[in-house]
N, C-alpha and C. Protein backbone atom coordinates (compact mmCIF):
# COMPACT_ATOMS: atom_id res chain seq x y z
N MET A 1 0.85 -1.18 0.00
CA MET A 1 0.00 0.00 0.00
C MET A 1 0.89 1.23 0.00
N PHE A 2 0.43 2.27 -0.67
CA PHE A 2 1.18 3.53 -0.65
C PHE A 2 0.22 4.70 -0.58
N VAL A 3 0.78 5.88 -0.25
CA VAL A 3 0.01 7.12 -0.19
C VAL A 3 0.35 7.93 -1.43
N GLY A 4 -0.68 8.42 -2.11
CA GLY A 4 -0.44 9.19 -3.32
C GLY A 4 -1.47 10.29 -3.50
N LYS A 5 -1.26 11.06 -4.55
CA LYS A 5 -2.17 12.15 -4.89
C LYS A 5 -2.82 11.83 -6.23
N VAL A 6 -4.14 12.00 -6.29
CA VAL A 6 -4.88 11.79 -7.54
C VAL A 6 -4.58 12.98 -8.45
N ILE A 7 -4.04 12.69 -9.64
CA ILE A 7 -3.66 13.76 -10.55
C ILE A 7 -4.46 13.77 -11.85
N GLY A 8 -5.33 12.79 -12.01
CA GLY A 8 -6.13 12.75 -13.23
C GLY A 8 -7.08 11.57 -13.24
N SER A 9 -7.82 11.47 -14.32
CA SER A 9 -8.76 10.36 -14.47
C SER A 9 -8.60 9.75 -15.86
N ILE A 10 -9.08 8.52 -16.00
CA ILE A 10 -9.03 7.80 -17.26
C ILE A 10 -10.46 7.43 -17.63
N VAL A 11 -10.83 7.66 -18.87
CA VAL A 11 -12.14 7.25 -19.36
C VAL A 11 -11.92 6.12 -20.36
N SER A 12 -12.59 5.00 -20.14
CA SER A 12 -12.47 3.85 -21.02
C SER A 12 -13.86 3.28 -21.27
N THR A 13 -14.36 3.50 -22.47
CA THR A 13 -15.71 3.01 -22.78
C THR A 13 -15.71 1.53 -23.14
N ARG A 14 -14.59 1.02 -23.63
CA ARG A 14 -14.48 -0.41 -23.95
C ARG A 14 -13.46 -1.02 -22.99
N LYS A 15 -13.91 -1.99 -22.20
CA LYS A 15 -13.05 -2.62 -21.21
C LYS A 15 -13.57 -4.00 -20.86
N ASN A 16 -12.79 -4.73 -20.10
CA ASN A 16 -13.17 -6.05 -19.61
C ASN A 16 -14.53 -5.96 -18.92
N ASP A 17 -15.36 -6.96 -19.12
CA ASP A 17 -16.71 -6.95 -18.54
C ASP A 17 -16.70 -6.77 -17.03
N ASN A 18 -15.69 -7.28 -16.35
CA ASN A 18 -15.61 -7.15 -14.88
C ASN A 18 -15.28 -5.73 -14.43
N LEU A 19 -14.93 -4.86 -15.37
CA LEU A 19 -14.57 -3.48 -15.02
C LEU A 19 -15.65 -2.46 -15.39
N VAL A 20 -16.71 -2.93 -16.03
CA VAL A 20 -17.78 -2.03 -16.44
C VAL A 20 -18.40 -1.38 -15.20
N GLY A 21 -18.57 -0.07 -15.25
CA GLY A 21 -19.17 0.66 -14.14
C GLY A 21 -18.18 1.17 -13.11
N HIS A 22 -16.89 0.95 -13.35
CA HIS A 22 -15.87 1.40 -12.39
C HIS A 22 -15.10 2.59 -12.95
N LYS A 23 -14.72 3.48 -12.04
CA LYS A 23 -13.98 4.70 -12.39
C LYS A 23 -12.48 4.43 -12.21
N PHE A 24 -11.66 5.03 -13.07
CA PHE A 24 -10.21 4.88 -13.00
C PHE A 24 -9.57 6.24 -12.77
N MET A 25 -8.62 6.30 -11.84
CA MET A 25 -7.91 7.53 -11.53
C MET A 25 -6.40 7.31 -11.68
N VAL A 26 -5.69 8.37 -12.05
CA VAL A 26 -4.23 8.33 -12.13
C VAL A 26 -3.70 8.86 -10.81
N VAL A 27 -2.84 8.06 -10.16
CA VAL A 27 -2.31 8.41 -8.84
C VAL A 27 -0.78 8.47 -8.91
N GLU A 28 -0.23 9.52 -8.29
CA GLU A 28 1.21 9.70 -8.21
C GLU A 28 1.63 9.56 -6.75
N PRO A 29 2.58 8.66 -6.44
CA PRO A 29 3.03 8.51 -5.04
C PRO A 29 3.56 9.83 -4.51
N LEU A 30 3.32 10.10 -3.22
CA LEU A 30 3.86 11.31 -2.60
C LEU A 30 5.37 11.17 -2.47
N GLU A 31 6.05 12.31 -2.45
CA GLU A 31 7.50 12.32 -2.32
C GLU A 31 7.93 11.59 -1.05
N GLY A 32 8.88 10.69 -1.20
CA GLY A 32 9.38 9.91 -0.07
C GLY A 32 8.55 8.67 0.23
N LEU A 33 7.44 8.50 -0.46
CA LEU A 33 6.57 7.34 -0.21
C LEU A 33 6.43 6.46 -1.44
N GLY A 34 7.38 6.58 -2.33
CA GLY A 34 7.36 5.81 -3.57
C GLY A 34 8.02 6.62 -4.65
N ASP A 35 8.22 6.03 -5.79
CA ASP A 35 8.85 6.72 -6.92
C ASP A 35 7.87 7.73 -7.49
N PRO A 36 8.14 9.04 -7.35
CA PRO A 36 7.20 10.06 -7.83
C PRO A 36 7.03 10.05 -9.35
N ASN A 37 7.92 9.37 -10.06
CA ASN A 37 7.79 9.27 -11.52
C ASN A 37 6.95 8.07 -11.93
N ALA A 38 6.58 7.23 -10.97
CA ALA A 38 5.84 6.00 -11.26
C ALA A 38 4.35 6.22 -11.02
N LYS A 39 3.71 6.86 -11.95
CA LYS A 39 2.26 7.07 -11.83
C LYS A 39 1.55 5.75 -12.09
N ILE A 40 0.40 5.57 -11.47
CA ILE A 40 -0.33 4.31 -11.58
C ILE A 40 -1.80 4.60 -11.81
N VAL A 41 -2.46 3.73 -12.54
CA VAL A 41 -3.91 3.82 -12.74
C VAL A 41 -4.54 2.89 -11.71
N ALA A 42 -5.49 3.43 -10.94
CA ALA A 42 -6.14 2.66 -9.89
C ALA A 42 -7.65 2.74 -10.03
N VAL A 43 -8.32 1.64 -9.75
CA VAL A 43 -9.77 1.62 -9.70
C VAL A 43 -10.20 2.44 -8.48
N ASP A 44 -11.24 3.25 -8.65
CA ASP A 44 -11.72 4.09 -7.54
C ASP A 44 -13.18 3.77 -7.26
N ASN A 45 -13.43 3.04 -6.19
CA ASN A 45 -14.80 2.70 -5.79
C ASN A 45 -15.29 3.56 -4.63
N ILE A 46 -14.46 4.53 -4.19
CA ILE A 46 -14.87 5.33 -3.03
C ILE A 46 -15.15 6.79 -3.35
N GLY A 47 -14.92 7.21 -4.60
CA GLY A 47 -15.27 8.57 -5.00
C GLY A 47 -14.20 9.60 -4.76
N ALA A 48 -12.94 9.24 -4.91
CA ALA A 48 -11.86 10.20 -4.76
C ALA A 48 -11.89 11.19 -5.92
N GLY A 49 -11.43 12.41 -5.64
CA GLY A 49 -11.40 13.42 -6.68
C GLY A 49 -9.97 13.85 -6.99
N ILE A 50 -9.81 14.54 -8.09
CA ILE A 50 -8.50 15.03 -8.49
C ILE A 50 -8.00 16.00 -7.42
N GLY A 51 -6.74 15.81 -7.02
CA GLY A 51 -6.12 16.65 -5.99
C GLY A 51 -6.17 16.04 -4.60
N GLU A 52 -6.95 14.99 -4.41
CA GLU A 52 -7.05 14.39 -3.08
C GLU A 52 -5.89 13.43 -2.82
N ILE A 53 -5.53 13.31 -1.54
CA ILE A 53 -4.50 12.37 -1.10
C ILE A 53 -5.22 11.07 -0.75
N VAL A 54 -4.72 9.95 -1.28
CA VAL A 54 -5.42 8.68 -1.13
C VAL A 54 -4.48 7.55 -0.71
N LEU A 55 -5.08 6.49 -0.17
CA LEU A 55 -4.38 5.24 0.12
C LEU A 55 -4.66 4.31 -1.05
N VAL A 56 -3.60 3.69 -1.57
CA VAL A 56 -3.74 2.80 -2.72
C VAL A 56 -3.22 1.42 -2.35
N ALA A 57 -4.07 0.41 -2.50
CA ALA A 57 -3.66 -0.98 -2.31
C ALA A 57 -3.25 -1.52 -3.67
N THR A 58 -2.24 -2.39 -3.67
CA THR A 58 -1.77 -2.97 -4.92
C THR A 58 -1.76 -4.49 -4.85
N GLY A 59 -1.66 -5.12 -6.00
CA GLY A 59 -1.62 -6.58 -6.07
C GLY A 59 -2.96 -7.20 -5.71
N SER A 60 -2.91 -8.41 -5.15
CA SER A 60 -4.15 -9.11 -4.82
C SER A 60 -4.95 -8.36 -3.75
N ALA A 61 -4.28 -7.57 -2.91
CA ALA A 61 -4.99 -6.78 -1.90
C ALA A 61 -5.91 -5.75 -2.56
N ALA A 62 -5.55 -5.28 -3.74
CA ALA A 62 -6.40 -4.31 -4.45
C ALA A 62 -7.71 -4.96 -4.86
N ARG A 63 -7.63 -6.16 -5.41
CA ARG A 63 -8.84 -6.86 -5.84
C ARG A 63 -9.73 -7.19 -4.65
N ILE A 64 -9.13 -7.71 -3.60
CA ILE A 64 -9.90 -8.10 -2.41
C ILE A 64 -10.48 -6.88 -1.71
N GLY A 65 -9.68 -5.81 -1.59
CA GLY A 65 -10.09 -4.61 -0.87
C GLY A 65 -11.28 -3.89 -1.46
N CYS A 66 -11.50 -4.07 -2.76
CA CYS A 66 -12.65 -3.39 -3.37
C CYS A 66 -13.69 -4.38 -3.89
N GLY A 67 -13.56 -5.64 -3.49
CA GLY A 67 -14.56 -6.63 -3.84
C GLY A 67 -14.57 -7.04 -5.30
N LEU A 68 -13.42 -6.97 -5.95
CA LEU A 68 -13.33 -7.31 -7.37
C LEU A 68 -12.34 -8.46 -7.58
N GLU A 69 -12.51 -9.53 -6.80
CA GLU A 69 -11.57 -10.65 -6.82
C GLU A 69 -11.37 -11.25 -8.20
N ALA A 70 -12.38 -11.20 -9.05
CA ALA A 70 -12.30 -11.80 -10.37
C ALA A 70 -11.94 -10.79 -11.46
N SER A 71 -11.52 -9.60 -11.07
CA SER A 71 -11.24 -8.55 -12.05
C SER A 71 -9.74 -8.38 -12.30
N PRO A 72 -9.39 -7.95 -13.51
CA PRO A 72 -7.98 -7.78 -13.86
C PRO A 72 -7.42 -6.43 -13.42
N ILE A 73 -7.32 -6.23 -12.12
CA ILE A 73 -6.76 -4.98 -11.60
C ILE A 73 -5.62 -5.29 -10.64
N ASP A 74 -4.68 -4.35 -10.52
CA ASP A 74 -3.63 -4.52 -9.51
C ASP A 74 -3.41 -3.26 -8.69
N ALA A 75 -4.34 -2.31 -8.76
CA ALA A 75 -4.28 -1.12 -7.91
C ALA A 75 -5.70 -0.61 -7.68
N ALA A 76 -5.98 -0.26 -6.43
CA ALA A 76 -7.30 0.28 -6.09
C ALA A 76 -7.17 1.33 -4.99
N ILE A 77 -7.91 2.41 -5.15
CA ILE A 77 -7.97 3.43 -4.10
C ILE A 77 -8.88 2.87 -3.02
N VAL A 78 -8.34 2.76 -1.81
CA VAL A 78 -9.09 2.16 -0.71
C VAL A 78 -9.37 3.14 0.43
N GLY A 79 -8.87 4.37 0.32
CA GLY A 79 -9.14 5.36 1.35
C GLY A 79 -8.75 6.75 0.90
N ILE A 80 -9.42 7.75 1.45
CA ILE A 80 -9.06 9.15 1.24
C ILE A 80 -8.47 9.64 2.54
N VAL A 81 -7.27 10.22 2.48
CA VAL A 81 -6.54 10.65 3.68
C VAL A 81 -7.09 11.98 4.18
N ASP A 82 -7.46 12.02 5.47
CA ASP A 82 -7.92 13.26 6.10
C ASP A 82 -6.75 14.01 6.71
N ASP A 83 -5.81 13.27 7.30
CA ASP A 83 -4.66 13.87 7.97
C ASP A 83 -3.52 12.89 7.93
N GLY A 84 -2.31 13.37 7.73
CA GLY A 84 -1.15 12.50 7.68
C GLY A 84 -0.01 13.13 8.43
N ILE A 85 -0.01 13.03 9.74
CA ILE A 85 1.00 13.66 10.58
C ILE A 85 2.39 13.17 10.17
N GLY A 86 3.27 14.10 9.84
CA GLY A 86 4.64 13.77 9.49
C GLY A 86 4.84 13.34 8.05
N ILE A 87 3.80 13.39 7.23
CA ILE A 87 3.93 12.99 5.83
C ILE A 87 3.95 14.24 4.97
N THR A 88 5.03 14.45 4.22
CA THR A 88 5.16 15.59 3.34
C THR A 88 4.06 15.58 2.30
N GLY A 89 3.39 16.71 2.13
CA GLY A 89 2.36 16.81 1.10
C GLY A 89 0.96 16.54 1.63
N VAL A 90 0.84 16.10 2.90
CA VAL A 90 -0.48 15.84 3.49
C VAL A 90 -0.71 16.87 4.58
N ASN A 91 -1.75 17.67 4.42
CA ASN A 91 -2.14 18.71 5.38
C ASN A 91 -0.97 19.17 6.20
């Protein structure tokens, strides 16, 4: 899991049937919490918006965390950060 900032969204009208109805966001890890050049596309089932700081689960935890065990995803936004004491870039 990592902490990142939502910097954009992806629109895909044609996709795997298991992904229909899901929103995709582009997330950039916060400085010091991952490679800031390694942007990732994550499924967003919680309604994060551009500019928000989020928790992102990766790998099998992403599928399980958002109830999409049979879906071809490896990153999911699983939380929106309200406060991050000691984390650069969070409040």
